[in-house]
Amino acid sequence: MASTRQASGFASTLATNKDRFRNTLISDQVYELLRQAIVEGDLAPNERVVESEIARRLGVSQAPVREAVKQLAREGLLMHVPRRGNFVVEISTQDAEYARQVREPLERLAAQLAAERITDDDLRELDELVGQMHRATAANDVSAFRDADIAFHTRVSQIAGNPFLTRMWEVLEPSLRALRAIADPLFEGDWHAMADEHGRLVSMLRDGDGAAAAEAFADHAAGRAPVPDRRVEKKPGRTSGG
């Protein structure tokens, strides 16, 4: 039943976005649409992704869809099975833990380097992303929170100034999001408090202490940083969402 609802939801998404695919760089647009469908669960684990069907529903040729599918396969979100087609990768708890293990040292290095070279403009940009998290929480928009959360960590990796670090983050980020190893939509704690935690990370960067910032970001990535709950009553659930 759930699979039927997911398939129906994805078909609706394709129909709604059909008119967007009337210009150049169609493969990039198809890629973004498919990636979003995977990370948000509209395309379920082990579900087959049929290039011809997607192309027909979007009203585009099959070539850009094929390119988008290849890119998603390179990122580990789709798996190609010879003579059967492409399927959404099934997420395991162990895979998520492996992803977090890789995320932690990247976050540590990014924070250390960023603290040493961050500018006032960079800080204002990060503060704005924290503000977006609060506004998304107020609107009960988990998807918008996740986008701001991931943009925050991506921006820190860019501020670090090491192009190889930025590339590694860009390769890992889709898997982190798909595996819910960052911005976990199942987090049942206080989302405003999670936004506050990101504000604390900005303060660490603002202080310019690379070592302290590195430890704070590493603890955040590993889920070791406690997130106070603003609410009177706490709900059971995951303790780390960012």
Protein backbone atom coordinates (compact mmCIF):
# COMPACT_ATOMS: atom_id res chain seq x y z
CA MET A 1 0.00 0.00 0.00
CA ALA A 2 2.79 2.41 0.98
CA SER A 3 4.67 1.59 -2.24
CA THR A 4 1.54 2.38 -4.28
CA ARG A 5 1.17 5.76 -2.56
CA GLN A 6 4.84 6.55 -3.16
CA ALA A 7 4.59 5.62 -6.84
CA SER A 8 1.45 7.73 -7.19
CA GLY A 9 3.16 10.66 -5.47
CA PHE A 10 6.14 10.47 -7.80
CA ALA A 11 3.87 10.28 -10.87
CA SER A 12 2.15 13.44 -9.63
CA THR A 13 5.55 15.12 -9.20
CA LEU A 14 6.48 14.26 -12.78
CA ALA A 15 3.22 15.66 -14.11
CA THR A 16 3.57 18.89 -12.11
CA ASN A 17 7.12 19.51 -13.32
CA LYS A 18 6.57 18.69 -16.98
CA ASP A 19 6.52 22.32 -18.14
CA ARG A 20 9.88 23.07 -16.47
CA PHE A 21 11.74 20.89 -18.94
CA ARG A 22 11.45 23.08 -22.03
CA ASN A 23 14.91 24.65 -22.13
CA THR A 24 18.60 23.78 -22.09
CA LEU A 25 20.45 21.68 -19.52
CA ILE A 26 17.45 19.38 -19.22
CA SER A 27 19.61 16.60 -17.77
CA ASP A 28 20.52 18.82 -14.81
CA GLN A 29 16.85 19.51 -14.11
CA VAL A 30 15.93 15.83 -14.39
CA TYR A 31 18.81 15.00 -12.05
CA GLU A 32 17.58 17.47 -9.41
CA LEU A 33 14.02 16.15 -9.66
CA LEU A 34 15.05 12.50 -9.35
CA ARG A 35 17.50 13.17 -6.53
CA GLN A 36 14.84 15.05 -4.58
CA ALA A 37 12.38 12.20 -5.13
CA ILE A 38 14.93 9.71 -3.76
CA VAL A 39 15.99 11.65 -0.69
CA GLU A 40 12.41 12.59 0.22
CA GLY A 41 11.17 9.01 -0.22
CA ASP A 42 8.87 9.54 -3.21
CA LEU A 43 11.01 6.90 -4.92
CA ALA A 44 11.25 4.05 -2.42
CA PRO A 45 14.30 1.81 -1.78
CA ASN A 46 14.56 -0.96 -4.38
CA GLU A 47 12.06 0.81 -6.62
CA ARG A 48 12.91 0.61 -10.31
CA VAL A 49 13.62 3.87 -12.15
CA VAL A 50 12.43 3.49 -15.75
CA GLU A 51 14.09 6.05 -18.01
CA SER A 52 11.55 5.78 -20.82
CA GLU A 53 8.61 6.25 -18.48
CA ILE A 54 10.15 9.32 -16.82
CA ALA A 55 10.98 10.84 -20.22
CA ARG A 56 7.43 10.25 -21.44
CA ARG A 57 5.83 11.81 -18.38
CA LEU A 58 8.10 14.87 -18.50
CA GLY A 59 7.74 15.27 -22.27
CA VAL A 60 11.49 15.13 -22.94
CA SER A 61 13.77 12.79 -24.86
CA GLN A 62 15.31 9.81 -23.12
CA ALA A 63 18.91 11.06 -23.45
CA PRO A 64 18.85 13.69 -20.64
CA VAL A 65 17.06 11.23 -18.36
CA ARG A 66 19.77 8.66 -19.05
CA GLU A 67 22.48 11.20 -18.16
CA ALA A 68 20.72 12.10 -14.92
CA VAL A 69 20.37 8.43 -13.99
CA LYS A 70 24.07 7.83 -14.64
CA GLN A 71 25.00 10.74 -12.36
CA LEU A 72 22.77 9.40 -9.57
CA ALA A 73 24.35 5.98 -9.98
CA ARG A 74 27.83 7.55 -9.65
CA GLU A 75 26.72 9.18 -6.43
CA GLY A 76 25.49 5.89 -5.04
CA LEU A 77 21.79 6.77 -4.96
CA LEU A 78 20.87 4.39 -7.79
CA MET A 79 22.23 0.94 -8.55
CA HIS A 80 22.36 -0.52 -12.06
CA VAL A 81 21.49 -4.19 -12.33
CA PRO A 82 22.46 -5.70 -15.73
CA ARG A 83 19.46 -6.70 -17.86
CA ARG A 84 17.07 -5.44 -15.16
CA GLY A 85 17.59 -1.70 -14.99
CA ASN A 86 18.26 0.95 -12.35
CA PHE A 87 16.97 0.75 -8.79
CA VAL A 88 16.93 3.08 -5.80
CA VAL A 89 19.60 1.96 -3.33
CA GLU A 90 18.29 0.48 -0.11
CA ILE A 91 19.57 2.29 2.97
CA SER A 92 20.92 0.29 5.90
CA THR A 93 21.75 1.44 9.42
CA GLN A 94 25.32 0.32 8.86
CA ASP A 95 25.60 2.44 5.68
CA ALA A 96 24.38 5.47 7.62
CA GLU A 97 27.00 4.87 10.31
CA TYR A 98 29.75 4.53 7.70
CA ALA A 99 28.63 7.86 6.20
CA ARG A 100 28.77 9.58 9.59
CA GLN A 101 32.27 8.20 10.18
CA VAL A 102 33.43 9.87 6.97
CA ARG A 103 31.48 13.06 7.66
CA GLU A 104 33.09 13.70 11.06
CA PRO A 105 36.71 14.26 9.89
CA LEU A 106 35.52 16.36 6.94
CA GLU A 107 33.51 18.60 9.26
CA ARG A 108 36.45 18.82 11.67
CA LEU A 109 38.85 19.96 8.95
CA ALA A 110 36.34 22.32 7.33
CA ALA A 111 35.65 24.08 10.64
CA GLN A 112 39.33 24.39 11.53
CA LEU A 113 40.19 25.98 8.18
CA ALA A 114 37.04 28.12 8.03
CA ALA A 115 37.63 29.61 11.49
CA GLU A 116 41.00 30.89 10.30
CA ARG A 117 39.72 32.68 7.20
CA ILE A 118 36.02 33.44 7.70
CA THR A 119 34.83 36.96 6.83
CA ASP A 120 32.00 39.12 8.12
CA ASP A 121 30.06 38.42 4.91
CA ASP A 122 30.51 34.68 5.44
CA LEU A 123 29.24 34.99 9.00
CA ARG A 124 26.19 36.94 7.88
CA GLU A 125 25.43 34.25 5.30
CA LEU A 126 25.64 31.51 7.93
CA ASP A 127 23.50 33.55 10.33
CA GLU A 128 20.88 33.86 7.59
CA LEU A 129 20.86 30.08 7.09
CA VAL A 130 20.28 29.64 10.83
CA GLY A 131 17.41 32.11 10.50
CA GLN A 132 16.00 30.02 7.65
CA MET A 133 16.07 26.97 9.93
CA HIS A 134 14.04 28.83 12.56
CA ARG A 135 11.54 30.04 9.95
CA ALA A 136 11.21 26.54 8.53
CA THR A 137 10.55 25.19 12.03
CA ALA A 138 7.88 27.82 12.64
CA ALA A 139 6.24 26.81 9.37
CA ASN A 140 6.57 23.09 10.21
CA ASP A 141 8.51 22.66 6.96
CA VAL A 142 11.05 19.88 7.57
CA SER A 143 12.15 19.88 3.93
CA ALA A 144 13.08 23.57 4.08
CA PHE A 145 14.93 22.98 7.36
CA ARG A 146 16.91 20.17 5.76
CA ASP A 147 17.81 22.36 2.79
CA ALA A 148 19.06 25.15 5.06
CA ASP A 149 20.92 22.69 7.31
CA ILE A 150 22.75 21.08 4.39
CA ALA A 151 23.44 24.48 2.80
CA PHE A 152 25.00 25.55 6.12
CA HIS A 153 27.49 22.69 6.21
CA THR A 154 28.18 22.96 2.49
CA ARG A 155 28.95 26.67 2.89
CA VAL A 156 31.39 25.98 5.74
CA SER A 157 33.22 23.50 3.50
CA GLN A 158 33.48 26.22 0.84
CA ILE A 159 34.66 28.88 3.31
CA ALA A 160 37.46 26.51 4.34
CA GLY A 161 39.14 27.39 1.05
CA ASN A 162 40.43 23.91 0.20
CA PRO A 163 38.99 22.91 -3.20
CA PHE A 164 39.64 19.21 -2.61
CA LEU A 165 37.70 19.33 0.66
CA THR A 166 34.82 21.07 -1.11
CA ARG A 167 34.77 18.43 -3.85
CA MET A 168 34.79 15.61 -1.33
CA TRP A 169 31.88 17.20 0.52
CA GLU A 170 29.91 17.67 -2.72
CA VAL A 171 30.39 13.98 -3.56
CA LEU A 172 29.42 12.83 -0.07
CA GLU A 173 26.52 15.23 0.56
CA PRO A 174 23.85 13.44 -1.55
CA SER A 175 24.60 10.16 0.23
CA LEU A 176 24.57 11.86 3.65
CA ARG A 177 21.17 13.30 2.88
CA ALA A 178 19.77 10.09 1.41
CA LEU A 179 21.10 8.07 4.36
CA ARG A 180 19.72 10.68 6.80
CA ALA A 181 23.22 11.05 8.25
CA ILE A 182 22.66 14.81 8.08
CA ALA A 183 19.46 16.81 8.64
CA ASP A 184 17.57 13.69 9.70
CA PRO A 185 13.86 14.21 8.91
CA LEU A 186 12.99 11.65 11.60
CA PHE A 187 14.51 13.79 14.36
CA GLU A 188 11.90 14.06 17.11
CA GLY A 189 13.63 16.61 19.30
CA ASP A 190 13.22 20.39 19.31
CA TRP A 191 13.92 21.74 15.83
CA HIS A 192 14.29 25.30 17.13
CA ALA A 193 16.95 24.03 19.52
CA MET A 194 18.66 22.29 16.60
CA ALA A 195 18.74 25.64 14.78
CA ASP A 196 20.20 27.20 17.95
CA GLU A 197 22.91 24.53 17.88
CA HIS A 198 23.88 25.73 14.41
CA GLY A 199 23.95 29.27 15.77
CA ARG A 200 26.41 28.06 18.41
CA LEU A 201 28.59 26.63 15.65
CA VAL A 202 28.59 30.01 13.92
CA SER A 203 29.74 31.60 17.19
CA MET A 204 32.63 29.14 17.35
CA LEU A 205 33.71 30.18 13.85
CA ARG A 206 33.28 33.85 14.76
CA ASP A 207 35.67 33.40 17.72
CA GLY A 208 38.38 32.34 15.27
CA ASP A 209 39.65 29.44 17.39
CA GLY A 210 40.25 26.75 14.80
CA ALA A 211 40.86 23.94 17.29
CA ALA A 212 37.72 24.68 19.32
CA ALA A 213 35.59 25.04 16.19
CA ALA A 214 36.95 21.76 14.84
CA GLU A 215 35.95 19.90 18.02
CA ALA A 216 32.49 21.50 18.07
CA PHE A 217 31.74 20.59 14.46
CA ALA A 218 33.09 17.05 14.91
CA ASP A 219 30.88 16.52 17.96
CA HIS A 220 27.90 17.90 16.02
CA ALA A 221 28.55 15.61 13.05
CA ALA A 222 28.88 12.56 15.29
CA GLY A 223 25.77 13.39 17.32
CA ARG A 224 27.75 13.92 20.50
CA ALA A 225 26.68 17.55 20.98
CA PRO A 226 23.64 17.74 23.31
CA VAL A 227 20.72 19.67 21.85
CA PRO A 228 18.67 21.35 24.62
CA ASP A 229 14.92 21.09 24.20
CA ARG A 230 13.05 24.40 24.37
CA ARG A 231 9.77 22.61 24.90
CA VAL A 232 8.27 21.92 28.31
CA GLU A 233 7.72 18.26 27.44
CA LYS A 234 10.31 16.20 25.62
CA LYS A 235 9.32 13.54 23.15
CA PRO A 236 11.26 10.32 22.73
CA GLY A 237 13.12 9.96 19.48
CA ARG A 238 16.40 10.64 17.77
CA THR A 239 18.71 12.99 19.62
CA SER A 240 20.65 14.33 16.65
CA GLY A 241 19.15 15.75 13.49
CA GLY A 242 21.74 18.10 12.01
